Amino acid sequence: MQVTDLFVSAPGKAILHGEHAVVHGKVALAVSLNLRTYLRLKATTTGKVCINLPNIDTFYSWDLSELEQLISYSGGKKEEGKLLDAELVGRLRDFIGVTNGNLDTCSMASLSFLYIYISLFRSSELPSLEVTVWSELPTGAGLGSSAAYSVCLAAALLCASGAIPTPLKEWDHTARWCQEDLELINSWAFQGEMIIHGNPSGVDNAVGTWGGMLRFLAGKIIPLSRVPLLRILLTNTKVPRSTKVLVARVKDKINKFPSIMAPVLDSVDAISCTCEKVLSEMTCEPITGEHYNTLEELIDINQHHLNVMGVGHPALDTLCQVTLARGLHSKLTGAGGGGCGITLLRPETDSTVVQTTVQDLRDLGFDCWETSIGGPGVQQHSPVSVKEEILEVLNRY
């Protein structure tokens, strides 16, 4: 194995503008969320491969001799291809005792780990190692937690197999890979996402890999070179929803009222493009209050559009009302119908305003964090650059 001890992290994601409209050929802007998933990979001499996922109270350990029996050498080493090795996936499903189509979170996490691990080491001897993952992201909230996990797995296991180098120099605290290596990480992370979600768009793993902001249009994902780091509140209403049901609801409305809904979708497209232009301006000229005024207005307009599309929810209306009472502007992010919302914070927003708003939202039973959007994608860490409380968890196993 090429590394003996490695720390990596990847960010979650939020949709800034364009949710639902993107399904109908309009621009969406996805941004990295500075709530991250952290992974530690350690070489061991136990003759086992272990994965520890304390967030979901899941701990697996397999003998290497058992895993070696699963490998089919007929195809040689599988390179980064976009298609899953269906035969290996089938064997792994049988191996972990899952034969139906509905995998629970624990099974999906172990399946994607074993798939990437075996795929990358299949033409050499399987190494004995232990992987521990800890995430600041809630699962199942539409914030890209599974993609951040897949990106971390891909980066760590590609380094361990020698397919990409570790970018961290001894004097660095954090380091990122070159473009070519990031593309390889992204392609393996996408395979992990295919195992977990079946038919993912590729947006979540791309945000986890590159960070910053991505423009998504008609299946094409373009990372934007520079975006400002924006402070936000992220609120999880904890109202469960089905993305599939909400997407179908929007489609039904478009079919029923095409002449009414087409301009709404065009308007959302224009919001995404205007927001992209404003954020681009903010990276190359002094940031003014006018920039923030425009961003706030776009948030308000888009939230109304999403209500028109039928993906709002009383809990999201409450979020918007509570924050607006303190001069802050919010919109849903993701599928809607509950789920999460984002609230823009200006640089001059007083900390007491932020604290009281967070408390107000928590008093309503919501989860709420202050964080930022637009931060870096997957990166390698020295131990000193990992938050103390996260390092403690990663070192515990």
Protein backbone atom coordinates (compact mmCIF):
# COMPACT_ATOMS: atom_id res chain seq x y z
CA MET A 1 0.00 0.00 0.00
CA GLN A 2 1.26 3.47 -0.91
CA VAL A 3 0.15 5.25 2.28
CA THR A 4 0.01 4.22 5.93
CA ASP A 5 -2.10 7.01 7.41
CA LEU A 6 -4.24 9.53 5.51
CA PHE A 7 -6.84 12.19 6.39
CA VAL A 8 -9.19 13.57 3.71
CA SER A 9 -12.41 15.59 3.70
CA ALA A 10 -15.09 16.61 1.21
CA PRO A 11 -17.93 19.16 1.45
CA GLY A 12 -21.67 18.76 1.29
CA LYS A 13 -23.74 20.64 -1.28
CA ALA A 14 -26.71 22.96 -1.52
CA ILE A 15 -28.63 24.21 -4.53
CA LEU A 16 -28.44 27.99 -4.61
CA HIS A 17 -30.89 28.49 -7.49
CA GLY A 18 -32.56 26.39 -10.17
CA GLU A 19 -33.92 23.36 -8.30
CA HIS A 20 -36.76 21.67 -10.23
CA ALA A 21 -36.26 24.03 -13.22
CA VAL A 22 -33.03 22.13 -13.95
CA VAL A 23 -35.10 18.99 -14.68
CA HIS A 24 -36.72 20.96 -17.52
CA GLY A 25 -33.51 22.16 -19.20
CA LYS A 26 -32.82 25.30 -17.14
CA VAL A 27 -29.63 26.40 -15.37
CA ALA A 28 -29.05 25.38 -11.74
CA LEU A 29 -26.27 26.59 -9.46
CA ALA A 30 -24.94 24.08 -6.94
CA VAL A 31 -22.54 25.24 -4.22
CA SER A 32 -20.27 23.52 -1.73
CA LEU A 33 -21.39 23.65 1.86
CA ASN A 34 -18.75 24.07 4.54
CA LEU A 35 -20.13 21.17 6.53
CA ARG A 36 -17.72 18.40 5.66
CA THR A 37 -17.26 14.65 5.80
CA TYR A 38 -13.87 13.51 7.15
CA LEU A 39 -12.16 10.17 6.55
CA ARG A 40 -9.09 8.56 8.06
CA LEU A 41 -7.45 5.59 6.34
CA LYS A 42 -4.87 3.53 8.27
CA ALA A 43 -2.79 0.59 7.10
CA THR A 44 -3.02 -2.35 9.52
CA THR A 45 -1.53 -5.84 9.87
CA THR A 46 -4.68 -7.60 11.07
CA GLY A 47 -5.49 -9.42 7.81
CA LYS A 48 -8.83 -7.61 7.81
CA VAL A 49 -10.45 -4.61 6.16
CA CYS A 50 -12.59 -2.54 8.51
CA ILE A 51 -14.91 0.43 8.10
CA ASN A 52 -16.21 2.47 11.03
CA LEU A 53 -19.19 4.78 10.50
CA PRO A 54 -20.05 6.12 13.98
CA ASN A 55 -22.59 8.66 12.58
CA ILE A 56 -24.89 5.77 11.69
CA ASP A 57 -23.63 3.42 14.42
CA THR A 58 -22.21 1.01 11.83
CA PHE A 59 -18.97 -0.98 12.13
CA TYR A 60 -17.92 -3.68 9.68
CA SER A 61 -14.90 -5.96 9.54
CA TRP A 62 -14.13 -8.57 6.87
CA ASP A 63 -11.30 -11.11 6.52
CA LEU A 64 -9.20 -10.47 3.43
CA SER A 65 -9.38 -14.18 2.58
CA GLU A 66 -13.19 -13.87 2.27
CA LEU A 67 -12.97 -10.81 0.04
CA GLU A 68 -10.30 -12.36 -2.21
CA GLN A 69 -12.76 -15.11 -3.13
CA LEU A 70 -15.08 -12.45 -4.60
CA ILE A 71 -12.57 -11.15 -7.12
CA SER A 72 -12.87 -12.21 -10.72
CA TYR A 73 -9.51 -11.71 -12.40
CA SER A 74 -10.92 -12.32 -15.87
CA GLY A 75 -11.39 -8.63 -16.58
CA GLY A 76 -8.03 -7.55 -15.18
CA LYS A 77 -7.84 -4.27 -13.31
CA LYS A 78 -10.87 -2.12 -13.96
CA GLU A 79 -9.89 1.43 -14.80
CA GLU A 80 -11.98 4.50 -14.12
CA GLY A 81 -14.77 3.53 -16.56
CA LYS A 82 -18.12 5.23 -16.14
CA LEU A 83 -20.03 1.94 -16.03
CA LEU A 84 -20.38 -0.17 -12.93
CA ASP A 85 -19.00 -3.70 -12.93
CA ALA A 86 -22.41 -5.35 -12.54
CA GLU A 87 -20.91 -8.78 -11.82
CA LEU A 88 -18.88 -7.43 -8.89
CA VAL A 89 -21.85 -5.46 -7.55
CA GLY A 90 -23.96 -8.65 -7.68
CA ARG A 91 -21.32 -10.67 -5.83
CA LEU A 92 -20.96 -7.98 -3.18
CA ARG A 93 -24.73 -7.81 -2.68
CA ASP A 94 -24.79 -11.56 -2.07
CA PHE A 95 -21.73 -11.30 0.16
CA ILE A 96 -23.26 -8.71 2.50
CA GLY A 97 -26.63 -10.46 2.38
CA VAL A 98 -28.65 -7.96 0.37
CA THR A 99 -30.56 -9.41 -2.55
CA ASN A 100 -33.54 -7.05 -2.85
CA GLY A 101 -33.43 -3.61 -4.45
CA ASN A 102 -34.00 -1.63 -1.25
CA LEU A 103 -30.72 -1.16 0.54
CA ASP A 104 -30.65 0.56 3.92
CA THR A 105 -28.07 3.28 4.63
CA CYS A 106 -25.64 0.89 6.36
CA SER A 107 -25.73 -1.65 3.52
CA MET A 108 -25.32 1.04 0.85
CA ALA A 109 -22.34 2.56 2.67
CA SER A 110 -20.59 -0.81 3.01
CA LEU A 111 -21.42 -1.85 -0.56
CA SER A 112 -19.98 1.33 -2.11
CA PHE A 113 -16.86 1.05 0.08
CA LEU A 114 -16.21 -2.59 -0.81
CA TYR A 115 -16.87 -1.93 -4.50
CA ILE A 116 -14.29 0.89 -4.76
CA TYR A 117 -11.79 -0.94 -2.53
CA ILE A 118 -11.91 -4.21 -4.49
CA SER A 119 -12.02 -2.47 -7.89
CA LEU A 120 -8.86 -0.47 -7.15
CA PHE A 121 -6.86 -3.32 -5.61
CA ARG A 122 -8.21 -6.29 -7.58
CA SER A 123 -5.07 -6.86 -9.68
CA SER A 124 -2.78 -6.81 -6.63
CA GLU A 125 -2.95 -8.22 -3.15
CA LEU A 126 -5.84 -6.77 -1.11
CA PRO A 127 -4.30 -4.65 1.67
CA SER A 128 -5.22 -4.82 5.33
CA LEU A 129 -6.62 -1.42 6.32
CA GLU A 130 -9.10 0.45 8.49
CA VAL A 131 -11.27 3.37 7.38
CA THR A 132 -13.15 5.67 9.79
CA VAL A 133 -15.60 8.31 8.56
CA TRP A 134 -17.25 11.12 10.51
CA SER A 135 -19.59 13.68 8.96
CA GLU A 136 -20.90 17.08 10.01
CA LEU A 137 -23.71 16.58 7.45
CA PRO A 138 -27.11 15.13 8.37
CA THR A 139 -28.01 12.09 6.27
CA GLY A 140 -31.06 12.06 4.01
CA ALA A 141 -31.49 15.86 4.05
CA GLY A 142 -30.56 16.49 0.42
CA LEU A 143 -27.20 18.01 1.39
CA GLY A 144 -24.96 15.59 -0.50
CA SER A 145 -23.87 13.47 2.48
CA SER A 146 -23.59 10.25 0.44
CA ALA A 147 -21.59 12.03 -2.29
CA ALA A 148 -19.17 13.55 0.25
CA TYR A 149 -18.70 10.01 1.61
CA SER A 150 -18.09 8.58 -1.89
CA VAL A 151 -15.63 11.37 -2.75
CA CYS A 152 -13.65 10.76 0.46
CA LEU A 153 -13.57 7.01 -0.21
CA ALA A 154 -12.43 7.52 -3.81
CA ALA A 155 -9.67 9.99 -2.89
CA ALA A 156 -8.31 7.90 0.00
CA LEU A 157 -8.41 4.54 -1.81
CA LEU A 158 -6.93 5.97 -5.03
CA CYS A 159 -4.02 7.32 -2.95
CA ALA A 160 -3.65 4.04 -1.07
CA SER A 161 -3.54 2.09 -4.35
CA GLY A 162 -0.96 4.42 -5.88
CA ALA A 163 -3.29 5.53 -8.69
CA ILE A 164 -2.85 9.16 -7.60
CA PRO A 165 -0.20 10.77 -5.36
CA THR A 166 -0.87 12.32 -1.97
CA PRO A 167 -0.63 16.09 -2.55
CA LEU A 168 0.26 17.06 1.04
CA LYS A 169 3.85 18.27 1.58
CA GLU A 170 5.29 18.01 5.07
CA TRP A 171 4.92 21.76 5.71
CA ASP A 172 1.30 21.91 4.42
CA HIS A 173 -1.81 21.81 6.58
CA THR A 174 -4.15 21.03 3.68
CA ALA A 175 -3.57 20.29 0.00
CA ARG A 176 -5.61 19.60 -3.13
CA TRP A 177 -5.02 17.34 -6.10
CA CYS A 178 -4.36 18.47 -9.68
CA GLN A 179 -7.19 18.64 -12.23
CA GLU A 180 -6.42 15.23 -13.75
CA ASP A 181 -6.42 13.53 -10.35
CA LEU A 182 -9.66 15.31 -9.37
CA GLU A 183 -11.31 13.95 -12.51
CA LEU A 184 -10.28 10.42 -11.50
CA ILE A 185 -11.57 10.96 -7.95
CA ASN A 186 -14.85 12.28 -9.34
CA SER A 187 -15.34 9.33 -11.70
CA TRP A 188 -14.89 6.77 -8.89
CA ALA A 189 -17.07 8.81 -6.53
CA PHE A 190 -19.78 8.79 -9.21
CA GLN A 191 -19.65 4.99 -9.22
CA GLY A 192 -20.12 5.02 -5.45
CA GLU A 193 -23.14 7.29 -5.97
CA MET A 194 -24.54 4.92 -8.63
CA ILE A 195 -24.46 2.11 -6.09
CA ILE A 196 -26.22 4.27 -3.49
CA HIS A 197 -28.74 6.12 -5.70
CA GLY A 198 -29.03 4.09 -8.91
CA ASN A 199 -29.21 6.98 -11.37
CA PRO A 200 -27.57 10.10 -9.86
CA SER A 201 -27.13 13.35 -11.80
CA GLY A 202 -23.44 13.60 -10.92
CA VAL A 203 -23.89 17.09 -9.44
CA ASP A 204 -23.38 16.10 -5.79
CA ASN A 205 -20.11 14.22 -6.32
CA ALA A 206 -18.83 16.99 -8.65
CA VAL A 207 -19.46 19.60 -5.92
CA GLY A 208 -17.75 17.31 -3.37
CA THR A 209 -14.75 16.97 -5.69
CA TRP A 210 -14.27 20.53 -6.97
CA GLY A 211 -16.04 22.61 -4.32
CA GLY A 212 -16.94 26.24 -5.02
CA MET A 213 -19.91 26.58 -7.36
CA LEU A 214 -21.00 24.52 -10.36
CA ARG A 215 -23.30 25.44 -13.22
CA PHE A 216 -25.53 22.54 -14.20
CA LEU A 217 -27.40 22.62 -17.51
CA ALA A 218 -28.81 19.75 -19.59
CA GLY A 219 -26.53 17.18 -17.97
CA LYS A 220 -23.36 19.28 -18.38
CA ILE A 221 -21.52 20.26 -15.21
CA ILE A 222 -19.16 23.25 -15.37
CA PRO A 223 -17.15 24.22 -12.27
CA LEU A 224 -16.90 28.01 -11.98
CA SER A 225 -13.35 29.17 -11.47
CA ARG A 226 -13.87 31.68 -8.65
CA VAL A 227 -16.76 32.44 -6.32
CA PRO A 228 -16.89 34.45 -3.10
CA LEU A 229 -17.27 32.63 0.20
CA LEU A 230 -20.74 33.54 1.49
CA ARG A 231 -21.97 33.13 5.07
CA ILE A 232 -25.31 31.40 5.45
CA LEU A 233 -27.61 29.81 7.95
CA LEU A 234 -28.56 26.30 6.96
CA THR A 235 -31.85 25.10 8.43
CA ASN A 236 -33.19 21.56 8.35
CA THR A 237 -36.95 21.65 8.98
CA LYS A 238 -36.77 17.86 9.52
CA VAL A 239 -40.01 17.55 7.52
CA PRO A 240 -39.56 14.36 5.46
CA ARG A 241 -40.29 14.50 1.74
CA SER A 242 -39.94 12.44 -1.42
CA THR A 243 -37.92 14.07 -4.20
CA LYS A 244 -39.58 11.74 -6.70
CA VAL A 245 -43.09 12.85 -5.66
CA LEU A 246 -42.14 16.56 -5.76
CA VAL A 247 -40.52 16.28 -9.21
CA ALA A 248 -43.69 14.56 -10.49
CA ARG A 249 -45.85 17.30 -8.93
CA VAL A 250 -43.95 20.03 -10.80
CA LYS A 251 -44.21 18.07 -14.06
CA ASP A 252 -47.98 17.67 -13.62
CA LYS A 253 -48.36 21.42 -13.06
CA ILE A 254 -46.32 22.21 -16.18
CA ASN A 255 -48.48 19.81 -18.23
CA LYS A 256 -51.68 21.28 -16.83
CA PHE A 257 -50.72 24.97 -17.19
CA PRO A 258 -47.98 25.12 -19.85
CA SER A 259 -48.50 28.79 -20.75
CA ILE A 260 -48.36 29.79 -17.06
CA MET A 261 -45.47 27.56 -15.95
CA ALA A 262 -43.13 28.07 -18.95
CA PRO A 263 -42.46 31.73 -18.01
CA VAL A 264 -41.89 30.68 -14.37
CA LEU A 265 -39.18 28.24 -15.47
CA ASP A 266 -37.66 30.89 -17.77
CA SER A 267 -37.63 33.31 -14.83
CA VAL A 268 -35.85 30.79 -12.59
CA ASP A 269 -33.30 30.28 -15.36
CA ALA A 270 -32.74 34.06 -15.49
CA ILE A 271 -32.36 34.14 -11.68
CA SER A 272 -29.59 31.51 -11.86
CA CYS A 273 -27.79 33.39 -14.65
CA THR A 274 -28.14 36.76 -12.87
CA CYS A 275 -26.86 35.26 -9.60
CA GLU A 276 -23.88 33.74 -11.41
CA LYS A 277 -23.06 37.15 -12.92
CA VAL A 278 -23.30 38.93 -9.55
CA LEU A 279 -21.09 36.34 -7.81
CA SER A 280 -18.55 36.63 -10.61
CA GLU A 281 -18.49 40.43 -10.16
CA MET A 282 -17.94 39.96 -6.41
CA THR A 283 -14.65 38.13 -7.08
CA CYS A 284 -13.12 40.83 -9.27
CA GLU A 285 -14.31 44.14 -7.81
CA PRO A 286 -14.93 45.52 -4.31
CA ILE A 287 -18.00 43.88 -2.76
CA THR A 288 -20.75 46.39 -2.06
CA GLY A 289 -24.07 46.40 -0.27
CA GLU A 290 -25.70 46.52 -3.70
CA HIS A 291 -24.32 43.06 -4.50
CA TYR A 292 -25.95 41.68 -1.35
CA ASN A 293 -29.20 43.55 -2.06
CA THR A 294 -29.39 41.82 -5.45
CA LEU A 295 -28.61 38.38 -4.00
CA GLU A 296 -31.34 38.86 -1.37
CA GLU A 297 -33.90 39.93 -3.97
CA LEU A 298 -33.08 36.90 -6.13
CA ILE A 299 -33.55 34.62 -3.10
CA ASP A 300 -36.99 36.14 -2.39
CA ILE A 301 -38.14 35.93 -6.02
CA ASN A 302 -36.98 32.33 -6.40
CA GLN A 303 -38.69 31.25 -3.18
CA HIS A 304 -41.99 32.63 -4.51
CA HIS A 305 -41.44 30.79 -7.79
CA LEU A 306 -40.84 27.53 -5.92
CA ASN A 307 -44.14 28.05 -4.07
CA VAL A 308 -45.82 28.58 -7.44
CA MET A 309 -44.33 25.28 -8.61
CA GLY A 310 -46.01 23.57 -5.64
CA VAL A 311 -42.87 22.53 -3.72
CA GLY A 312 -43.22 24.88 -0.76
CA HIS A 313 -44.29 23.82 2.73
CA PRO A 314 -45.66 25.62 5.83
CA ALA A 315 -42.39 24.83 7.69
CA LEU A 316 -40.43 26.59 4.93
CA ASP A 317 -42.85 29.54 5.04
CA THR A 318 -42.18 29.75 8.78
CA LEU A 319 -38.42 29.75 8.16
CA CYS A 320 -38.80 32.65 5.71
CA GLN A 321 -41.02 34.63 8.11
CA VAL A 322 -38.78 34.13 11.16
CA THR A 323 -35.65 35.20 9.29
CA LEU A 324 -37.33 38.11 7.47
CA ALA A 325 -38.45 39.50 10.85
CA ARG A 326 -34.72 39.99 11.51
CA GLY A 327 -33.98 41.39 8.05
CA LEU A 328 -32.64 38.11 6.64
CA HIS A 329 -33.68 36.43 3.38
CA SER A 330 -34.29 32.68 2.96
CA LYS A 331 -35.32 30.10 0.38
CA LEU A 332 -35.67 26.34 0.27
CA THR A 333 -32.75 24.39 -1.14
CA GLY A 334 -33.16 21.05 -2.90
CA ALA A 335 -36.43 19.27 -3.49
CA GLY A 336 -38.58 21.37 -1.13
CA GLY A 337 -41.77 20.05 0.46
CA GLY A 338 -39.94 20.35 3.79
CA GLY A 339 -36.25 19.49 3.90
CA CYS A 340 -33.73 22.32 4.11
CA GLY A 341 -33.53 26.06 3.57
CA ILE A 342 -30.68 28.55 3.31
CA THR A 343 -30.53 32.09 4.70
CA LEU A 344 -27.98 34.60 3.38
CA LEU A 345 -25.93 36.47 5.99
CA ARG A 346 -24.31 39.77 5.09
CA PRO A 347 -20.74 40.41 6.32
CA GLU A 348 -22.05 43.16 8.62
CA THR A 349 -24.87 41.03 10.12
CA ASP A 350 -24.45 41.32 13.89
CA SER A 351 -23.55 38.10 15.71
CA THR A 352 -26.37 38.59 18.23
CA VAL A 353 -28.88 38.71 15.34
CA VAL A 354 -27.46 35.44 14.03
CA GLN A 355 -27.51 33.78 17.47
CA THR A 356 -31.09 34.84 18.27
CA THR A 357 -32.29 33.75 14.81
CA VAL A 358 -30.63 30.34 15.22
CA GLN A 359 -32.25 30.00 18.67
CA ASP A 360 -35.68 31.02 17.31
CA LEU A 361 -35.43 28.34 14.62
CA ARG A 362 -34.23 25.68 17.06
CA ASP A 363 -37.13 26.55 19.37
CA LEU A 364 -39.44 25.63 16.46
CA GLY A 365 -37.87 22.16 16.38
CA PHE A 366 -35.61 22.85 13.39
CA ASP A 367 -31.89 22.09 13.22
CA CYS A 368 -29.88 25.19 12.34
CA TRP A 369 -26.18 25.84 11.71
CA GLU A 370 -24.16 28.87 10.71
CA THR A 371 -21.81 27.86 7.92
CA SER A 372 -20.58 29.09 4.55
CA ILE A 373 -20.90 28.20 0.87
CA GLY A 374 -18.29 28.21 -1.87
CA GLY A 375 -15.43 26.57 0.06
CA PRO A 376 -12.88 24.04 -1.25
CA GLY A 377 -13.69 20.58 -2.58
CA VAL A 378 -11.96 17.36 -1.57
CA GLN A 379 -8.66 17.89 0.20
CA GLN A 380 -6.00 16.06 2.15
CA HIS A 381 -5.32 17.18 5.72
CA SER A 382 -2.47 17.04 8.16
CA PRO A 383 -3.83 15.97 11.58
CA VAL A 384 -3.35 19.50 12.98
CA SER A 385 -5.75 20.94 10.37
CA VAL A 386 -8.62 18.64 11.42
CA LYS A 387 -10.96 20.06 14.07
CA GLU A 388 -10.09 18.70 17.49
CA GLU A 389 -13.48 17.09 18.15
CA ILE A 390 -13.46 15.36 14.72
CA LEU A 391 -9.85 14.19 15.15
CA GLU A 392 -10.86 12.66 18.47
CA VAL A 393 -13.59 10.60 16.74
CA LEU A 394 -11.31 9.55 13.86
CA ASN A 395 -8.57 8.48 16.30
CA ARG A 396 -10.96 6.54 18.54
CA TYR A 397 -11.19 3.48 16.32
